[in-house]
N, C-alpha and C. Protein backbone atom coordinates (compact mmCIF):
# COMPACT_ATOMS: atom_id res chain seq x y z
N MET A 1 -60.69 9.48 -2.70
CA MET A 1 -60.11 10.60 -1.82
C MET A 1 -58.59 10.22 -0.93
N ARG A 2 -57.89 10.16 -1.13
CA ARG A 2 -56.34 9.44 -0.13
C ARG A 2 -56.01 10.50 0.89
N ASP A 3 -55.73 9.80 2.21
CA ASP A 3 -54.96 10.76 2.96
C ASP A 3 -53.66 10.11 3.53
N THR A 4 -52.84 11.08 4.07
CA THR A 4 -51.43 10.23 4.34
C THR A 4 -51.10 10.61 5.92
N PHE A 5 -50.98 9.57 6.54
CA PHE A 5 -50.70 9.27 8.01
C PHE A 5 -49.37 9.91 8.60
N THR A 6 -49.59 10.79 9.63
CA THR A 6 -48.34 11.22 10.15
C THR A 6 -46.95 10.27 10.11
N ASN A 7 -47.38 8.90 10.22
CA ASN A 7 -46.04 7.75 9.79
C ASN A 7 -45.99 7.58 8.34
N GLY A 8 -46.57 8.38 7.56
CA GLY A 8 -46.42 8.17 5.78
C GLY A 8 -47.23 7.24 5.19
N GLN A 9 -47.80 6.39 5.85
CA GLN A 9 -48.75 5.53 4.96
C GLN A 9 -49.75 6.16 4.25
N VAL A 10 -50.15 5.84 3.16
CA VAL A 10 -51.38 6.13 2.57
C VAL A 10 -52.45 5.70 2.47
N CYS A 11 -53.74 6.23 2.57
CA CYS A 11 -54.76 5.27 2.99
C CYS A 11 -55.63 6.03 2.06
N SER A 12 -56.89 5.14 1.54
CA SER A 12 -58.23 5.78 0.71
C SER A 12 -59.20 6.20 1.33
N GLY A 13 -58.97 5.49 2.45
CA GLY A 13 -60.39 5.09 3.50
C GLY A 13 -60.86 4.03 3.92
N ASN A 14 -61.15 3.15 2.75
CA ASN A 14 -61.57 2.14 2.50
C ASN A 14 -60.72 0.83 3.57
N GLU A 15 -59.33 1.34 3.19
CA GLU A 15 -57.85 0.16 3.87
C GLU A 15 -58.28 -0.15 5.31
N ALA A 16 -58.41 1.63 5.88
CA ALA A 16 -57.75 1.40 7.27
C ALA A 16 -59.29 1.13 7.98
N SER A 17 -60.47 0.90 7.43
CA SER A 17 -61.94 0.96 8.02
C SER A 17 -62.16 -0.35 8.38
N SER A 18 -62.18 -1.21 9.55
CA SER A 18 -62.25 -2.34 9.75
C SER A 18 -63.80 -3.37 8.89
N ASP A 19 -64.75 -2.20 8.64
CA ASP A 19 -66.04 -2.63 8.27
C ASP A 19 -65.83 -2.51 6.78
N GLY A 20 -64.83 -2.40 6.22
CA GLY A 20 -65.14 -2.55 4.97
C GLY A 20 -65.37 -0.74 4.04
N GLY A 21 -65.12 -0.22 4.62
CA GLY A 21 -65.54 0.96 4.24
C GLY A 21 -67.20 1.59 4.38
N LYS A 22 -67.91 0.81 5.15
CA LYS A 22 -69.52 0.78 5.46
C LYS A 22 -69.53 1.50 6.45
N GLY A 23 -68.96 2.61 6.58
CA GLY A 23 -69.35 3.63 7.85
C GLY A 23 -68.88 3.99 9.15
N ASN A 24 -67.52 2.93 9.18
CA ASN A 24 -66.82 3.54 10.10
C ASN A 24 -65.62 4.54 10.01
N VAL A 25 -66.03 5.64 10.28
CA VAL A 25 -65.38 7.20 9.57
C VAL A 25 -64.19 7.21 10.65
N LEU A 26 -64.34 6.97 11.84
CA LEU A 26 -63.12 6.90 13.01
C LEU A 26 -61.97 6.14 12.35
N ALA A 27 -62.13 4.88 11.82
CA ALA A 27 -60.95 4.13 11.43
C ALA A 27 -60.23 5.03 10.76
N ALA A 28 -61.02 5.54 9.80
CA ALA A 28 -60.09 6.30 8.63
C ALA A 28 -58.77 7.30 9.24
N PHE A 29 -59.10 7.92 10.19
CA PHE A 29 -58.19 9.16 11.06
C PHE A 29 -57.54 8.32 12.00
N PHE A 30 -57.16 7.05 12.36
CA PHE A 30 -56.28 6.69 13.16
C PHE A 30 -55.80 5.73 12.48
N PRO A 31 -54.11 5.57 12.43
CA PRO A 31 -53.18 4.95 12.00
C PRO A 31 -53.12 3.58 12.40
N PRO A 32 -53.41 2.42 11.58
CA PRO A 32 -53.53 1.51 12.43
C PRO A 32 -52.43 0.55 13.31
N ASP A 33 -51.48 1.24 12.99
CA ASP A 33 -50.11 0.48 13.82
C ASP A 33 -49.91 1.53 15.00
N GLY A 34 -50.80 2.14 15.58
CA GLY A 34 -50.78 2.72 16.79
C GLY A 34 -51.31 4.24 16.85
N ARG A 35 -51.25 5.18 17.88
CA ARG A 35 -51.62 5.84 18.06
C ARG A 35 -50.62 7.22 18.04
N SER A 36 -51.44 8.66 17.40
CA SER A 36 -50.57 9.65 16.95
C SER A 36 -50.28 10.33 18.39
N ASN A 37 -49.50 11.08 18.53
CA ASN A 37 -49.31 12.19 19.63
C ASN A 37 -50.51 13.11 19.99
N ASP A 38 -50.73 13.09 18.63
CA ASP A 38 -52.12 14.52 18.77
C ASP A 38 -53.50 13.45 19.03
N ASP A 39 -53.90 12.42 19.29
CA ASP A 39 -54.88 11.59 19.70
C ASP A 39 -54.87 11.61 21.35
N PRO A 40 -56.23 12.40 21.50
CA PRO A 40 -56.48 12.49 22.54
C PRO A 40 -55.99 11.18 23.72
N THR A 41 -56.38 9.97 23.40
CA THR A 41 -55.93 8.66 24.06
C THR A 41 -54.40 8.45 24.34
N SER A 42 -53.86 9.01 23.52
CA SER A 42 -52.50 8.56 23.45
C SER A 42 -51.96 8.68 24.75
N GLU A 43 -50.66 7.91 24.74
CA GLU A 43 -50.12 7.70 25.96
C GLU A 43 -49.18 9.36 26.79
N LYS A 44 -48.96 9.72 25.95
CA LYS A 44 -47.99 10.91 26.34
C LYS A 44 -48.60 12.18 26.64
N THR A 45 -49.93 12.20 25.82
CA THR A 45 -51.42 12.90 26.36
C THR A 45 -51.96 12.67 27.86
N THR A 46 -51.89 11.21 28.12
CA THR A 46 -52.62 11.14 29.00
C THR A 46 -51.60 11.34 29.99
N THR A 47 -50.42 10.95 29.94
CA THR A 47 -49.25 11.35 31.16
C THR A 47 -49.52 12.54 30.91
N ASN A 48 -49.62 13.57 30.54
CA ASN A 48 -49.34 15.20 30.54
C ASN A 48 -50.62 15.62 31.10
N ASN A 49 -51.90 14.87 30.61
CA ASN A 49 -52.87 15.33 31.73
C ASN A 49 -53.27 15.09 32.82
N LEU A 50 -52.71 13.60 33.20
CA LEU A 50 -52.31 13.60 34.64
C LEU A 50 -51.52 14.03 35.51
N ALA A 51 -50.44 14.43 34.68
CA ALA A 51 -49.18 15.39 35.40
C ALA A 51 -50.05 16.85 35.89
N LEU A 52 -50.48 17.52 35.02
CA LEU A 52 -51.39 18.49 35.01
C LEU A 52 -52.79 18.83 36.08
N LEU A 53 -53.39 17.38 36.06
CA LEU A 53 -54.52 17.34 37.34
C LEU A 53 -53.75 17.21 38.41
N ALA A 54 -52.63 16.34 38.73
CA ALA A 54 -51.80 16.47 40.19
C ALA A 54 -51.34 17.91 40.55
N MET A 55 -50.81 18.57 39.60
CA MET A 55 -50.61 19.69 39.84
C MET A 55 -51.64 20.63 40.48
N CYS A 56 -52.88 20.93 39.61
CA CYS A 56 -54.03 21.15 40.24
C CYS A 56 -54.43 21.11 41.10
N ASN A 57 -54.10 19.84 41.49
CA ASN A 57 -54.64 19.56 42.89
C ASN A 57 -53.81 19.74 44.30
N VAL A 58 -52.87 19.84 43.61
CA VAL A 58 -51.82 20.24 45.02
C VAL A 58 -52.19 22.06 45.15
N LEU A 59 -52.16 22.27 44.17
CA LEU A 59 -52.54 24.11 43.96
C LEU A 59 -53.95 24.11 45.08
N GLU A 60 -54.96 23.32 44.87
CA GLU A 60 -56.35 23.30 45.01
C GLU A 60 -56.21 23.06 46.90
N PHE A 61 -55.58 22.41 47.54
CA PHE A 61 -55.46 21.45 48.57
C PHE A 61 -54.08 22.40 49.54
N LEU A 62 -53.93 23.44 48.62
CA LEU A 62 -52.32 23.88 49.77
C LEU A 62 -53.23 24.91 50.70
N ASP A 63 -54.02 25.65 50.90
CA ASP A 63 -55.00 25.53 51.63
C ASP A 63 -55.20 25.41 53.03
N PHE A 64 -55.64 24.03 52.81
CA PHE A 64 -55.41 22.89 53.64
C PHE A 64 -54.58 22.75 54.46
N THR A 65 -53.18 22.66 53.93
CA THR A 65 -52.17 22.78 54.73
C THR A 65 -51.46 23.74 55.21
N ILE A 66 -51.76 25.31 54.37
CA ILE A 66 -50.59 26.08 55.16
C ILE A 66 -51.71 26.61 56.24
N LEU A 67 -52.91 26.19 56.77
CA LEU A 67 -53.29 26.47 57.85
C LEU A 67 -52.47 26.13 59.45
N PRO A 68 -52.51 24.79 59.47
CA PRO A 68 -51.89 24.15 60.59
C PRO A 68 -50.26 24.64 60.67
N GLY A 69 -49.52 25.22 59.15
CA GLY A 69 -48.15 25.43 59.05
C GLY A 69 -48.24 26.89 60.13
N MET A 70 -49.26 27.78 59.65
CA MET A 70 -49.34 29.20 60.19
C MET A 70 -49.95 29.44 61.52
N ALA A 71 -49.79 28.23 62.38
CA ALA A 71 -50.77 28.38 63.57
C ALA A 71 -50.15 29.38 64.72
N ARG A 72 -48.32 29.63 64.94
CA ARG A 72 -48.09 30.30 65.61
C ARG A 72 -48.13 31.68 65.23
N ALA A 73 -47.99 31.56 63.66
CA ALA A 73 -48.08 33.38 63.25
C ALA A 73 -49.63 33.79 63.15
N LEU A 74 -50.36 33.09 63.03
CA LEU A 74 -52.08 33.17 63.70
C LEU A 74 -52.48 33.88 64.99
N GLN A 75 -51.86 32.69 66.05
CA GLN A 75 -51.40 33.03 67.64
C GLN A 75 -51.34 34.07 67.84
N GLN A 76 -50.06 34.58 67.37
CA GLN A 76 -49.25 36.09 67.88
C GLN A 76 -49.97 37.42 66.92
N GLU A 77 -50.51 37.15 65.91
CA GLU A 77 -51.17 38.01 65.23
C GLU A 77 -52.71 38.23 65.66
N PHE A 78 -53.32 37.67 65.60
CA PHE A 78 -54.87 37.49 66.44
C PHE A 78 -54.98 37.25 68.06
N ASN A 79 -53.91 36.92 68.51
CA ASN A 79 -54.24 36.44 70.06
C ASN A 79 -54.83 35.61 70.23
N ALA A 80 -55.12 34.78 69.29
CA ALA A 80 -55.66 33.58 69.04
C ALA A 80 -55.20 32.21 69.94
N THR A 81 -55.64 31.54 70.79
CA THR A 81 -55.54 30.04 71.27
C THR A 81 -54.99 29.25 70.33
N LEU A 82 -54.80 27.98 70.60
CA LEU A 82 -54.42 26.81 69.77
C LEU A 82 -56.23 26.23 69.56
N SER A 83 -56.79 26.26 70.41
CA SER A 83 -57.88 25.71 70.52
C SER A 83 -59.05 26.66 69.22
N ASP A 84 -58.68 28.26 69.44
CA ASP A 84 -59.48 29.09 68.23
C ASP A 84 -59.13 28.30 66.78
N ILE A 85 -57.45 28.36 66.94
CA ILE A 85 -57.17 27.85 65.29
C ILE A 85 -57.31 26.64 65.09
N GLY A 86 -57.96 25.28 65.78
CA GLY A 86 -58.01 24.46 65.92
C GLY A 86 -59.74 24.49 65.05
N THR A 87 -60.49 25.10 65.83
CA THR A 87 -61.71 25.43 65.07
C THR A 87 -61.82 26.04 63.86
N LEU A 88 -61.01 27.05 63.55
CA LEU A 88 -60.94 27.52 62.11
C LEU A 88 -60.45 26.33 61.14
N TYR A 89 -59.48 25.90 61.50
CA TYR A 89 -59.13 24.54 60.59
C TYR A 89 -60.68 23.79 60.38
N LEU A 90 -61.36 23.04 61.72
CA LEU A 90 -62.56 22.09 61.50
C LEU A 90 -63.46 22.99 60.83
N CYS A 91 -63.65 24.38 60.78
CA CYS A 91 -64.50 25.01 59.98
C CYS A 91 -64.21 25.09 58.71
N GLN A 92 -63.23 24.99 58.54
CA GLN A 92 -62.54 25.22 56.89
C GLN A 92 -62.96 23.67 56.69
N SER A 93 -62.66 22.78 56.90
CA SER A 93 -62.78 21.42 56.29
C SER A 93 -64.15 20.75 56.33
N LEU A 94 -65.36 21.26 57.31
CA LEU A 94 -66.45 20.84 56.95
C LEU A 94 -67.05 21.94 56.27
N ILE A 95 -66.92 22.89 56.15
CA ILE A 95 -67.22 23.71 54.50
C ILE A 95 -67.02 23.17 53.63
N GLY A 96 -65.73 22.74 52.99
CA GLY A 96 -65.50 21.95 52.31
C GLY A 96 -65.89 20.72 52.01
N CYS A 97 -66.39 19.84 52.73
CA CYS A 97 -66.93 18.69 53.09
C CYS A 97 -68.48 19.02 52.39
N VAL A 98 -68.86 19.76 52.59
CA VAL A 98 -70.32 20.34 52.38
C VAL A 98 -70.67 20.76 51.09
N VAL A 99 -69.60 21.80 50.96
CA VAL A 99 -69.59 22.46 49.06
C VAL A 99 -68.99 21.64 48.12
N MET A 100 -67.84 20.90 48.25
CA MET A 100 -67.47 20.38 47.30
C MET A 100 -68.04 18.94 46.35
N PRO A 101 -68.85 18.66 47.02
CA PRO A 101 -69.81 17.61 46.33
C PRO A 101 -71.08 18.17 45.51
N ILE A 102 -71.24 19.65 46.22
CA ILE A 102 -72.36 20.51 45.54
C ILE A 102 -71.93 20.89 44.20
N TRP A 103 -70.43 21.23 44.43
CA TRP A 103 -69.52 21.83 43.11
C TRP A 103 -69.25 20.54 42.28
N GLY A 104 -68.91 19.55 42.65
CA GLY A 104 -69.09 18.42 41.73
C GLY A 104 -70.12 18.36 41.27
N THR A 105 -71.41 18.00 41.54
CA THR A 105 -72.57 17.94 40.65
C THR A 105 -72.91 18.93 39.66
N LEU A 106 -72.84 20.15 40.47
CA LEU A 106 -72.93 21.17 39.18
C LEU A 106 -71.73 21.04 38.10
N GLY A 107 -70.88 20.60 38.20
CA GLY A 107 -69.55 20.84 37.53
C GLY A 107 -69.88 19.56 36.39
N ASP A 108 -70.74 18.65 36.68
CA ASP A 108 -71.33 17.51 35.86
C ASP A 108 -72.79 17.90 35.08
N ARG A 109 -73.16 18.67 35.31
CA ARG A 109 -74.56 18.95 34.93
C ARG A 109 -74.71 20.70 34.04
N MET A 110 -73.41 21.44 34.60
CA MET A 110 -73.38 22.65 33.78
C MET A 110 -72.54 22.61 33.01
N PRO A 111 -72.58 23.70 31.98
CA PRO A 111 -71.08 24.41 31.17
C PRO A 111 -70.03 24.56 31.92
N ARG A 112 -68.66 24.13 31.54
CA ARG A 112 -67.78 24.23 32.71
C ARG A 112 -67.38 25.83 32.55
N LYS A 113 -67.46 26.50 31.32
CA LYS A 113 -67.39 27.72 31.36
C LYS A 113 -68.34 29.00 32.22
N VAL A 114 -69.19 28.40 32.24
CA VAL A 114 -70.68 28.99 33.20
C VAL A 114 -70.31 28.69 34.96
N LEU A 115 -69.99 27.40 35.16
CA LEU A 115 -69.57 27.20 36.31
C LEU A 115 -68.29 28.08 36.82
N LEU A 116 -67.34 28.12 35.66
CA LEU A 116 -65.95 28.61 36.27
C LEU A 116 -66.11 30.22 36.05
N ILE A 117 -66.98 30.93 35.58
CA ILE A 117 -67.29 32.57 35.56
C ILE A 117 -67.93 32.60 37.17
N ALA A 118 -69.17 31.83 37.34
CA ALA A 118 -69.95 31.85 38.84
C ALA A 118 -68.80 32.01 39.92
N ALA A 119 -68.20 30.65 39.85
CA ALA A 119 -67.32 30.43 41.34
C ALA A 119 -66.12 31.77 41.30
N SER A 120 -65.64 32.01 40.04
CA SER A 120 -64.79 33.34 39.96
C SER A 120 -65.38 34.21 40.99
N LEU A 121 -66.31 34.81 39.99
CA LEU A 121 -67.21 35.82 40.79
C LEU A 121 -67.64 35.65 41.99
N LEU A 122 -68.03 34.43 42.62
CA LEU A 122 -68.39 33.98 44.13
C LEU A 122 -67.03 34.40 44.88
N TRP A 123 -66.11 33.59 44.61
CA TRP A 123 -64.42 34.15 44.97
C TRP A 123 -64.17 35.26 45.48
N GLY A 124 -64.28 36.04 44.48
CA GLY A 124 -64.28 37.60 44.51
C GLY A 124 -64.81 38.16 45.27
N VAL A 125 -66.07 37.97 45.63
CA VAL A 125 -67.37 38.73 46.23
C VAL A 125 -66.87 38.31 47.88
N PHE A 126 -66.96 36.84 48.20
CA PHE A 126 -66.11 37.06 49.36
C PHE A 126 -65.09 36.98 50.13
N THR A 127 -63.87 37.13 48.75
CA THR A 127 -62.86 37.90 49.34
C THR A 127 -62.58 39.45 49.25
N ILE A 128 -63.16 39.90 48.57
CA ILE A 128 -63.80 41.50 49.06
C ILE A 128 -64.34 41.58 50.44
N GLY A 129 -65.34 40.62 50.70
CA GLY A 129 -66.11 40.56 52.23
C GLY A 129 -65.34 40.16 53.14
N CYS A 130 -64.21 39.76 52.86
CA CYS A 130 -63.24 39.35 54.21
C CYS A 130 -62.33 40.48 54.53
N ALA A 131 -62.03 40.78 53.04
CA ALA A 131 -61.08 42.33 53.67
C ALA A 131 -61.47 43.47 54.52
């Protein structure tokens, strides 16, 4: 069996194996001179994943930064004092401190798809309940 890597090298499987072809299957899939762009540990893929996570993190915490910026509008709309707005911000932060570790633990122990569906349903229910 002969394979051709993306860099043009040809390998029968035994040459790329560091153990002489005695069971190291992964060695046959990775070029000996470096990583391909399809490799999940490649530098380009790692950079793209890090950028995506950073953007998701910004979106996740926008709600924490919007509330202080909307203080004047909330004061006028709901006839609230700055103390009321501060209490609202405190409650939002405290609830986040309690709930985030729980969701993090569930994220480590449950399938991501099930957790995402449950979180989306809860989000929808609470959004409709607040309306």
